Amino acid sequence: MTYTEAGPYGAEQVRHGCLIAGDVIALVVRSREGAALAVPFQQTLAPQSALLT
């Protein structure tokens, strides 16, 4: 599950994702000055998800 901060946002944009594996819940937060692009964020979540399984 991923969420994107609703615009208009300030000087930086925040994206966060929630990963669930069994009884473990991980929250991944990424902020970037300007815009935090969706594709790099998805590329961050994929390996993190693999580490949880």
N, C-alpha and C. Protein backbone atom coordinates (compact mmCIF):
# COMPACT_ATOMS: atom_id res chain seq x y z
N MET A 1 0.84 -1.17 0.00
CA MET A 1 0.00 0.00 0.00
C MET A 1 0.89 1.24 0.00
N THR A 2 0.66 2.13 -0.91
CA THR A 2 1.44 3.36 -0.92
C THR A 2 0.50 4.57 -0.86
N TYR A 3 1.00 5.61 -0.27
CA TYR A 3 0.25 6.85 -0.14
C TYR A 3 1.13 8.01 -0.58
N THR A 4 0.50 8.98 -1.21
CA THR A 4 1.20 10.18 -1.64
C THR A 4 0.56 11.38 -0.97
N GLU A 5 1.38 12.27 -0.50
CA GLU A 5 0.89 13.50 0.12
C GLU A 5 0.07 14.28 -0.90
N ALA A 6 -1.08 14.72 -0.49
CA ALA A 6 -1.94 15.49 -1.38
C ALA A 6 -1.36 16.88 -1.61
N GLY A 7 -1.45 17.35 -2.83
CA GLY A 7 -0.97 18.69 -3.16
C GLY A 7 -1.95 19.74 -2.71
N PRO A 8 -1.62 20.93 -2.58
CA PRO A 8 -0.27 21.44 -2.75
C PRO A 8 0.57 21.12 -1.51
N TYR A 9 1.78 20.68 -1.73
CA TYR A 9 2.69 20.39 -0.62
C TYR A 9 3.74 21.48 -0.58
N GLY A 10 4.46 21.54 0.52
CA GLY A 10 5.44 22.61 0.72
C GLY A 10 6.70 22.41 -0.11
N ALA A 11 7.84 22.69 0.48
CA ALA A 11 9.11 22.62 -0.23
C ALA A 11 9.52 21.19 -0.56
N GLU A 12 8.97 20.21 0.17
CA GLU A 12 9.30 18.82 -0.12
C GLU A 12 8.02 17.97 -0.14
N GLN A 13 8.07 16.90 -0.90
CA GLN A 13 6.93 15.99 -1.00
C GLN A 13 7.28 14.72 -0.23
N VAL A 14 6.27 14.14 0.41
CA VAL A 14 6.46 12.93 1.21
C VAL A 14 5.62 11.82 0.62
N ARG A 15 6.22 10.63 0.48
CA ARG A 15 5.51 9.41 0.11
C ARG A 15 5.76 8.40 1.20
N HIS A 16 4.78 7.59 1.50
CA HIS A 16 5.01 6.52 2.46
C HIS A 16 4.28 5.26 2.02
N GLY A 17 4.85 4.15 2.39
CA GLY A 17 4.29 2.85 2.03
C GLY A 17 4.28 1.94 3.24
N CYS A 18 3.32 1.06 3.29
CA CYS A 18 3.17 0.12 4.39
C CYS A 18 3.34 -1.29 3.84
N LEU A 19 4.24 -2.06 4.43
CA LEU A 19 4.48 -3.44 4.03
C LEU A 19 4.09 -4.35 5.19
N ILE A 20 3.37 -5.41 4.89
CA ILE A 20 2.92 -6.34 5.92
C ILE A 20 3.37 -7.74 5.54
N ALA A 21 4.04 -8.42 6.46
CA ALA A 21 4.45 -9.81 6.25
C ALA A 21 4.28 -10.54 7.58
N GLY A 22 3.29 -11.39 7.65
CA GLY A 22 3.01 -12.11 8.89
C GLY A 22 2.62 -11.14 10.00
N ASP A 23 3.40 -11.15 11.09
CA ASP A 23 3.09 -10.24 12.20
C ASP A 23 4.00 -9.00 12.22
N VAL A 24 4.66 -8.74 11.09
CA VAL A 24 5.56 -7.58 10.98
C VAL A 24 4.93 -6.54 10.06
N ILE A 25 4.93 -5.31 10.51
CA ILE A 25 4.46 -4.18 9.70
C ILE A 25 5.62 -3.21 9.56
N ALA A 26 5.95 -2.85 8.33
CA ALA A 26 7.04 -1.91 8.08
C ALA A 26 6.48 -0.66 7.41
N LEU A 27 6.94 0.47 7.85
CA LEU A 27 6.55 1.74 7.26
C LEU A 27 7.79 2.35 6.61
N VAL A 28 7.72 2.59 5.30
CA VAL A 28 8.82 3.19 4.55
C VAL A 28 8.40 4.61 4.19
N VAL A 29 9.20 5.58 4.58
CA VAL A 29 8.88 6.98 4.32
C VAL A 29 10.00 7.58 3.47
N ARG A 30 9.61 8.31 2.44
CA ARG A 30 10.60 8.98 1.59
C ARG A 30 10.13 10.41 1.37
N SER A 31 11.03 11.34 1.62
CA SER A 31 10.72 12.74 1.35
C SER A 31 11.83 13.30 0.48
N ARG A 32 11.46 14.23 -0.35
CA ARG A 32 12.43 14.82 -1.26
C ARG A 32 12.03 16.26 -1.54
N GLU A 33 13.03 17.12 -1.61
CA GLU A 33 12.78 18.50 -1.97
C GLU A 33 12.25 18.53 -3.40
N GLY A 34 11.20 19.24 -3.60
CA GLY A 34 10.54 19.27 -4.92
C GLY A 34 9.50 18.17 -4.97
N ALA A 35 9.73 17.15 -5.79
CA ALA A 35 8.77 16.06 -5.93
C ALA A 35 9.46 14.73 -5.69
N ALA A 36 8.79 13.86 -4.93
CA ALA A 36 9.27 12.49 -4.73
C ALA A 36 8.58 11.62 -5.78
N LEU A 37 9.30 11.22 -6.79
CA LEU A 37 8.72 10.50 -7.92
C LEU A 37 8.26 9.10 -7.51
N ALA A 38 7.19 8.63 -8.17
CA ALA A 38 6.58 7.35 -7.82
C ALA A 38 7.46 6.16 -8.18
N VAL A 39 8.10 6.17 -9.33
CA VAL A 39 8.88 5.00 -9.77
C VAL A 39 10.06 4.72 -8.83
N PRO A 40 10.90 5.70 -8.47
CA PRO A 40 11.98 5.40 -7.53
C PRO A 40 11.46 4.91 -6.18
N PHE A 41 10.31 5.41 -5.76
CA PHE A 41 9.74 4.97 -4.49
C PHE A 41 9.31 3.51 -4.59
N GLN A 42 8.70 3.13 -5.69
CA GLN A 42 8.30 1.73 -5.89
C GLN A 42 9.55 0.84 -5.93
N GLN A 43 10.63 1.34 -6.51
CA GLN A 43 11.88 0.58 -6.57
C GLN A 43 12.51 0.45 -5.19
N THR A 44 12.19 1.31 -4.28
CA THR A 44 12.65 1.20 -2.90
C THR A 44 11.81 0.18 -2.14
N LEU A 45 10.51 0.17 -2.39
CA LEU A 45 9.62 -0.74 -1.67
C LEU A 45 9.81 -2.19 -2.07
N ALA A 46 10.09 -2.47 -3.32
CA ALA A 46 10.19 -3.85 -3.80
C ALA A 46 11.25 -4.66 -3.04
N PRO A 47 12.50 -4.18 -2.92
CA PRO A 47 13.48 -4.97 -2.17
C PRO A 47 13.17 -5.07 -0.68
N GLN A 48 12.58 -4.01 -0.12
CA GLN A 48 12.22 -4.05 1.28
C GLN A 48 11.17 -5.13 1.53
N SER A 49 10.22 -5.24 0.61
CA SER A 49 9.19 -6.26 0.71
C SER A 49 9.81 -7.66 0.61
N ALA A 50 10.78 -7.82 -0.29
CA ALA A 50 11.44 -9.11 -0.44
C ALA A 50 12.20 -9.51 0.83
N LEU A 51 12.77 -8.53 1.52
CA LEU A 51 13.50 -8.83 2.75
C LEU A 51 12.58 -9.30 3.87
N LEU A 52 11.32 -8.86 3.83
CA LEU A 52 10.38 -9.25 4.89
C LEU A 52 9.83 -10.67 4.70
N THR A 53 9.86 -11.17 3.47
CA THR A 53 9.27 -12.49 3.24
C THR A 53 10.27 -13.60 3.37
